[in-house]
Protein backbone atom coordinates (compact mmCIF):
# COMPACT_ATOMS: atom_id res chain seq x y z
CA UNK A 1 27.83 1.79 21.79
CA UNK A 2 24.90 2.53 19.51
CA UNK A 3 21.54 1.20 20.68
CA UNK A 4 19.80 -0.65 18.00
CA UNK A 5 16.05 -0.34 17.95
CA UNK A 6 13.33 -2.12 16.12
CA UNK A 7 11.07 -0.51 13.48
CA UNK A 8 7.57 -1.60 14.55
CA UNK A 9 6.07 1.45 12.84
CA UNK A 10 5.46 0.10 9.23
CA UNK A 11 3.80 -2.95 10.62
CA UNK A 12 1.47 -1.00 12.70
CA UNK A 13 0.78 1.43 9.98
CA UNK A 14 -0.18 -1.35 7.61
CA UNK A 15 -2.66 -2.78 10.16
CA UNK A 16 -4.01 0.59 10.83
CA UNK A 17 -4.48 1.15 6.91
CA UNK A 18 -6.42 -2.30 6.70
CA UNK A 19 -8.47 -1.91 9.93
CA UNK A 20 -8.75 1.89 10.23
CA UNK A 21 -12.34 1.87 11.47
CA UNK A 22 -11.57 -0.97 14.06
CA UNK A 23 -8.43 0.84 15.20
CA UNK A 24 -10.43 3.97 15.86
CA UNK A 25 -13.31 2.18 17.54
CA UNK A 26 -10.83 0.61 20.04
CA UNK A 27 -8.25 3.26 20.74
CA UNK A 28 -10.54 6.49 20.12
CA UNK A 29 -14.20 5.48 20.47
CA UNK A 30 -14.95 9.15 20.92
CA UNK A 31 -13.63 10.04 17.36
CA UNK A 32 -15.04 6.81 15.93
CA UNK A 33 -18.66 7.67 16.96
CA UNK A 34 -18.28 11.03 15.07
CA UNK A 35 -17.56 9.68 11.62
CA UNK A 36 -19.98 8.52 8.96
CA UNK A 37 -18.71 4.96 8.37
CA UNK A 38 -21.06 4.67 5.20
CA UNK A 39 -18.48 6.80 3.38
CA UNK A 40 -15.18 5.08 2.93
CA UNK A 41 -12.09 6.96 4.52
CA UNK A 42 -9.42 8.00 1.93
CA UNK A 43 -5.99 7.46 2.64
CA UNK A 44 -3.88 10.65 1.93
CA UNK A 45 -0.34 9.28 1.22
CA UNK A 46 0.48 11.92 -1.29
CA UNK A 47 -0.70 14.75 1.07
CA UNK A 48 1.52 13.05 3.83
CA UNK A 49 4.67 13.11 1.46
CA UNK A 50 4.31 16.85 1.13
CA UNK A 51 3.91 17.35 4.88
CA UNK A 52 6.99 15.42 5.68
CA UNK A 53 9.19 16.04 2.63
CA UNK A 54 10.83 19.33 3.93
CA UNK A 55 11.29 18.31 7.46
CA UNK A 56 14.43 19.14 9.20
CA UNK A 57 14.40 16.12 11.35
CA UNK A 58 16.77 13.33 10.31
CA UNK A 59 14.24 10.45 11.28
CA UNK A 60 11.04 10.36 9.13
CA UNK A 61 8.19 8.07 9.65
CA UNK A 62 5.53 7.09 7.28
CA UNK A 63 2.52 8.16 9.14
CA UNK A 64 -0.99 7.59 8.07
CA UNK A 65 -3.52 10.34 6.98
CA UNK A 66 -6.96 9.68 6.12
CA UNK A 67 -9.95 11.81 4.84
CA UNK A 68 -13.27 11.11 6.65
CA UNK A 69 -16.64 12.62 6.90
CA UNK A 70 -18.82 13.41 9.85
CA UNK A 71 -22.21 12.08 10.75
CA UNK A 72 -23.99 15.33 10.20
CA UNK A 73 -23.51 14.61 6.46
CA UNK A 74 -21.49 17.56 5.97
CA UNK A 75 -18.46 16.74 3.68
CA UNK A 76 -15.77 17.84 6.11
CA UNK A 77 -12.03 16.97 5.34
CA UNK A 78 -10.26 15.91 8.56
CA UNK A 79 -6.58 14.73 8.48
CA UNK A 80 -5.92 12.19 10.95
CA UNK A 81 -2.30 11.90 11.78
CA UNK A 82 -1.48 8.58 13.36
CA UNK A 83 2.05 8.30 14.97
CA UNK A 84 3.01 4.91 16.28
CA UNK A 85 5.97 5.03 18.66
CA UNK A 86 7.39 1.71 20.30
CA UNK A 87 10.75 3.30 21.66
CA UNK A 88 11.62 6.16 23.47
CA UNK A 89 12.60 9.05 21.10
CA UNK A 90 13.46 12.56 22.35
CA UNK A 91 12.06 14.13 19.00
CA UNK A 92 8.81 12.35 19.25
CA UNK A 93 6.83 15.38 20.82
CA UNK A 94 8.47 17.85 18.50
CA UNK A 95 7.75 15.56 15.43
CA UNK A 96 4.17 15.36 16.28
CA UNK A 97 3.80 19.07 16.62
CA UNK A 98 5.60 19.66 13.23
CA UNK A 99 3.34 17.03 11.39
CA UNK A 100 0.19 18.54 13.02
CA UNK A 101 1.18 22.11 12.06
CA UNK A 102 2.41 21.33 8.39
CA UNK A 103 -0.90 19.49 7.74
CA UNK A 104 -2.92 22.30 8.94
CA UNK A 105 -0.63 24.89 7.11
CA UNK A 106 -0.67 23.12 3.74
CA UNK A 107 -4.37 22.16 3.71
CA UNK A 108 -6.25 24.39 6.12
CA UNK A 109 -8.02 21.43 7.37
CA UNK A 110 -8.51 20.33 10.95
CA UNK A 111 -6.06 17.77 11.98
CA UNK A 112 -6.33 15.26 14.82
CA UNK A 113 -2.97 13.86 15.96
CA UNK A 114 -3.12 10.41 17.50
CA UNK A 115 -0.14 8.43 19.12
CA UNK A 116 -0.01 4.94 20.32
CA UNK A 117 2.85 4.43 22.68
CA UNK A 118 4.02 0.84 22.61
CA UNK A 119 7.14 1.04 24.68
CA UNK A 120 7.35 -0.18 28.16
CA UNK A 121 8.90 3.03 29.77
CA UNK A 122 6.20 4.08 32.00
CA UNK A 123 7.81 7.46 32.87
CA UNK A 124 7.87 8.51 29.23
CA UNK A 125 4.41 9.44 28.09
CA UNK A 126 4.72 12.75 26.29
CA UNK A 127 1.47 14.84 26.17
CA UNK A 128 2.42 18.12 24.77
CA UNK A 129 5.28 20.06 22.97
């Protein structure tokens, strides 16, 4: 029997796109405090497509990537990779690693990979690959 799982990712990612600053302030306050919020973050959908286009994994998730600037007024391009996972996925850690590396490899920019684990499985908390 095949287990059917819900796709919560798209809703989460839409909300993150609309409330990006609030998302970071709540889940990642240390990162939020380092960003110059007087400059609007830029969503990098086309860059994300290049990162995920040649992936070997059968399952692709439409993550969010943003360009932001730091408080020191230096125009630094940081890609923030946000992965929202609501169910157990044995390929999750590997996918996070692949997206992180591909973003760096293609654009030579620092990458922060963030994950929100929304499942109820307390013994499944991947932290590295």
